[in-house]
Amino acid sequence: MNTNSLSKFANQRYLSMETYRKTGKPVATPVWFAEENGRLYIYSRANAGKVKRLRNNPNVKIVPCDLRGKPMGEWVEAKGQILDERRATLGHKLLKEKYGWMKRIGDAVSKLRQRQKVVIAMDIL
C-alpha cells in the first residue's frame, strides 16, 4: 500500500477508474468509492464493461475526479479484484455509510430490476 498515494483520495466523493480493453486501449469511468485499511472499494453491475475488462486485466489506474470524471490530480497504478459475495459485504457496508440514501436508492433499483452487482477492491501499488 502506498500511503502517500492513498491520501489524495481522502475526503473525495468520486474516483476515475481506468481499465483496459483487450487491445490495450484505456477506458476511464467515474465511480463512487469507499476506503478502509488502505483498500478502496467500488461497486458495479456485474455485466458492466469495467467489470468485464477487469476480469481480463486486473491492472488499473485511478485518480480522484469530479462527478463527470474530470481528473483532479495524478493517476496512480492499482490492482483490482472482484470480490466474492461474502467479502463484498464489507464494501457494500462502507459505501452505504459514505453515500447514505443515494446508495440505498441504487440498491433498491438494482433489486427491482434484478441486476446483479459486484464489489471491486483495489490496492494502490
Protein backbone atom coordinates (compact mmCIF):
# COMPACT_ATOMS: atom_id res chain seq x y z
CA MET A 1 0.00 0.00 0.00
CA ASN A 2 1.26 3.44 -0.90
CA THR A 3 0.04 5.70 1.93
CA ASN A 4 1.08 8.89 0.15
CA SER A 5 -0.94 7.99 -2.95
CA LEU A 6 -3.88 6.90 -0.80
CA SER A 7 -4.03 10.28 0.97
CA LYS A 8 -5.05 12.02 -2.26
CA PHE A 9 -8.36 10.11 -2.12
CA ALA A 10 -9.21 11.30 1.41
CA ASN A 11 -12.35 13.47 1.51
CA GLN A 12 -13.09 12.84 -2.18
CA ARG A 13 -16.51 11.74 -3.47
CA TYR A 14 -15.50 10.14 -6.78
CA LEU A 15 -12.61 8.41 -8.43
CA SER A 16 -11.97 7.65 -12.06
CA MET A 17 -11.04 4.04 -12.69
CA GLU A 18 -9.15 3.29 -15.89
CA THR A 19 -9.48 -0.30 -17.11
CA TYR A 20 -8.13 -1.73 -20.34
CA ARG A 21 -9.73 -3.35 -23.36
CA LYS A 22 -8.13 -6.47 -24.83
CA THR A 23 -6.50 -4.16 -27.39
CA GLY A 24 -4.86 -2.25 -24.54
CA LYS A 25 -6.98 0.87 -25.08
CA PRO A 26 -7.82 2.52 -21.73
CA VAL A 27 -11.39 3.28 -20.68
CA ALA A 28 -11.94 5.65 -17.73
CA THR A 29 -15.13 5.51 -15.66
CA PRO A 30 -16.08 7.77 -12.71
CA VAL A 31 -17.34 5.75 -9.72
CA TRP A 32 -18.25 6.06 -6.06
CA PHE A 33 -15.71 4.58 -3.69
CA ALA A 34 -15.03 3.93 -0.04
CA GLU A 35 -11.75 3.17 1.73
CA GLU A 36 -10.78 1.04 4.69
CA ASN A 37 -7.31 -0.02 5.81
CA GLY A 38 -5.68 1.18 2.60
CA ARG A 39 -8.07 -0.68 0.30
CA LEU A 40 -10.54 1.11 -1.97
CA TYR A 41 -13.95 -0.41 -2.73
CA ILE A 42 -16.36 0.32 -5.57
CA TYR A 43 -19.47 -1.47 -6.76
CA SER A 44 -20.92 -2.02 -10.19
CA ARG A 45 -23.39 -4.05 -12.16
CA ALA A 46 -21.87 -7.47 -12.72
CA ASN A 47 -22.16 -7.20 -16.52
CA ALA A 48 -20.71 -3.67 -16.81
CA GLY A 49 -17.84 -3.07 -19.20
CA LYS A 50 -15.40 -2.15 -16.44
CA VAL A 51 -16.08 -5.49 -14.73
CA LYS A 52 -15.54 -7.43 -17.96
CA ARG A 53 -12.31 -5.53 -18.63
CA LEU A 54 -11.10 -6.12 -15.06
CA ARG A 55 -11.65 -9.86 -15.44
CA ASN A 56 -9.25 -9.79 -18.40
CA ASN A 57 -6.68 -7.47 -16.79
CA PRO A 58 -6.54 -6.62 -13.06
CA ASN A 59 -4.20 -3.66 -13.63
CA VAL A 60 -6.00 -0.33 -13.29
CA LYS A 61 -5.16 3.33 -12.85
CA ILE A 62 -7.15 5.55 -10.52
CA VAL A 63 -7.37 9.27 -9.78
CA PRO A 64 -9.73 11.45 -7.74
CA CYS A 65 -12.22 13.12 -10.08
CA ASP A 66 -15.36 15.21 -10.21
CA LEU A 67 -18.86 13.90 -10.89
CA ARG A 68 -18.26 13.88 -14.64
CA GLY A 69 -14.92 12.09 -14.43
CA LYS A 70 -12.57 15.06 -14.85
CA PRO A 71 -9.30 14.02 -13.14
CA MET A 72 -8.22 16.05 -10.12
CA GLY A 73 -4.61 15.04 -9.68
CA GLU A 74 -2.18 12.44 -10.95
CA TRP A 75 -3.14 8.89 -11.88
CA VAL A 76 -1.80 6.08 -9.70
CA GLU A 77 -1.47 2.40 -10.52
CA ALA A 78 -3.53 -0.17 -8.64
CA LYS A 79 -4.68 -3.79 -8.82
CA GLY A 80 -8.37 -4.56 -8.90
CA GLN A 81 -10.08 -7.72 -7.71
CA ILE A 82 -13.72 -8.75 -7.97
CA LEU A 83 -14.76 -9.96 -4.54
CA ASP A 84 -16.90 -12.99 -3.79
CA GLU A 85 -20.28 -12.35 -2.17
CA ARG A 86 -19.04 -12.89 1.39
CA ARG A 87 -16.12 -10.43 1.08
CA ALA A 88 -18.28 -7.94 -0.86
CA THR A 89 -20.39 -7.34 2.27
CA LEU A 90 -17.75 -5.02 3.75
CA GLY A 91 -17.56 -2.96 0.54
CA HIS A 92 -21.34 -2.50 0.43
CA LYS A 93 -21.38 -1.53 4.12
CA LEU A 94 -18.66 1.10 3.64
CA LEU A 95 -20.34 2.52 0.54
CA LYS A 96 -23.71 2.75 2.36
CA GLU A 97 -22.02 4.61 5.21
CA LYS A 98 -20.39 7.08 2.82
CA TYR A 99 -23.22 7.64 0.30
CA GLY A 100 -26.26 7.01 2.54
CA TRP A 101 -29.66 7.35 0.91
CA MET A 102 -28.19 7.56 -2.62
CA LYS A 103 -26.61 4.11 -2.26
CA ARG A 104 -29.82 2.71 -0.74
CA ILE A 105 -31.87 4.01 -3.69
CA GLY A 106 -29.38 2.49 -6.14
CA ASP A 107 -29.59 -0.83 -4.31
CA ALA A 108 -33.41 -0.75 -4.39
CA VAL A 109 -33.47 -0.01 -8.13
CA SER A 110 -30.98 -2.81 -8.78
CA LYS A 111 -33.10 -5.22 -6.76
CA LEU A 112 -36.30 -4.22 -8.59
CA ARG A 113 -34.61 -4.63 -11.96
CA GLN A 114 -32.94 -7.85 -10.79
CA ARG A 115 -29.48 -6.50 -11.61
CA GLN A 116 -26.58 -8.44 -10.20
CA LYS A 117 -23.91 -6.31 -8.52
CA VAL A 118 -20.28 -6.93 -7.67
CA VAL A 119 -17.81 -5.20 -5.39
CA ILE A 120 -14.30 -4.49 -6.62
CA ALA A 121 -11.43 -4.00 -4.18
CA MET A 122 -8.41 -2.01 -5.33
CA ASP A 123 -4.98 -1.84 -3.80
CA ILE A 124 -2.65 1.00 -4.80
CA LEU A 125 0.73 -0.27 -5.95
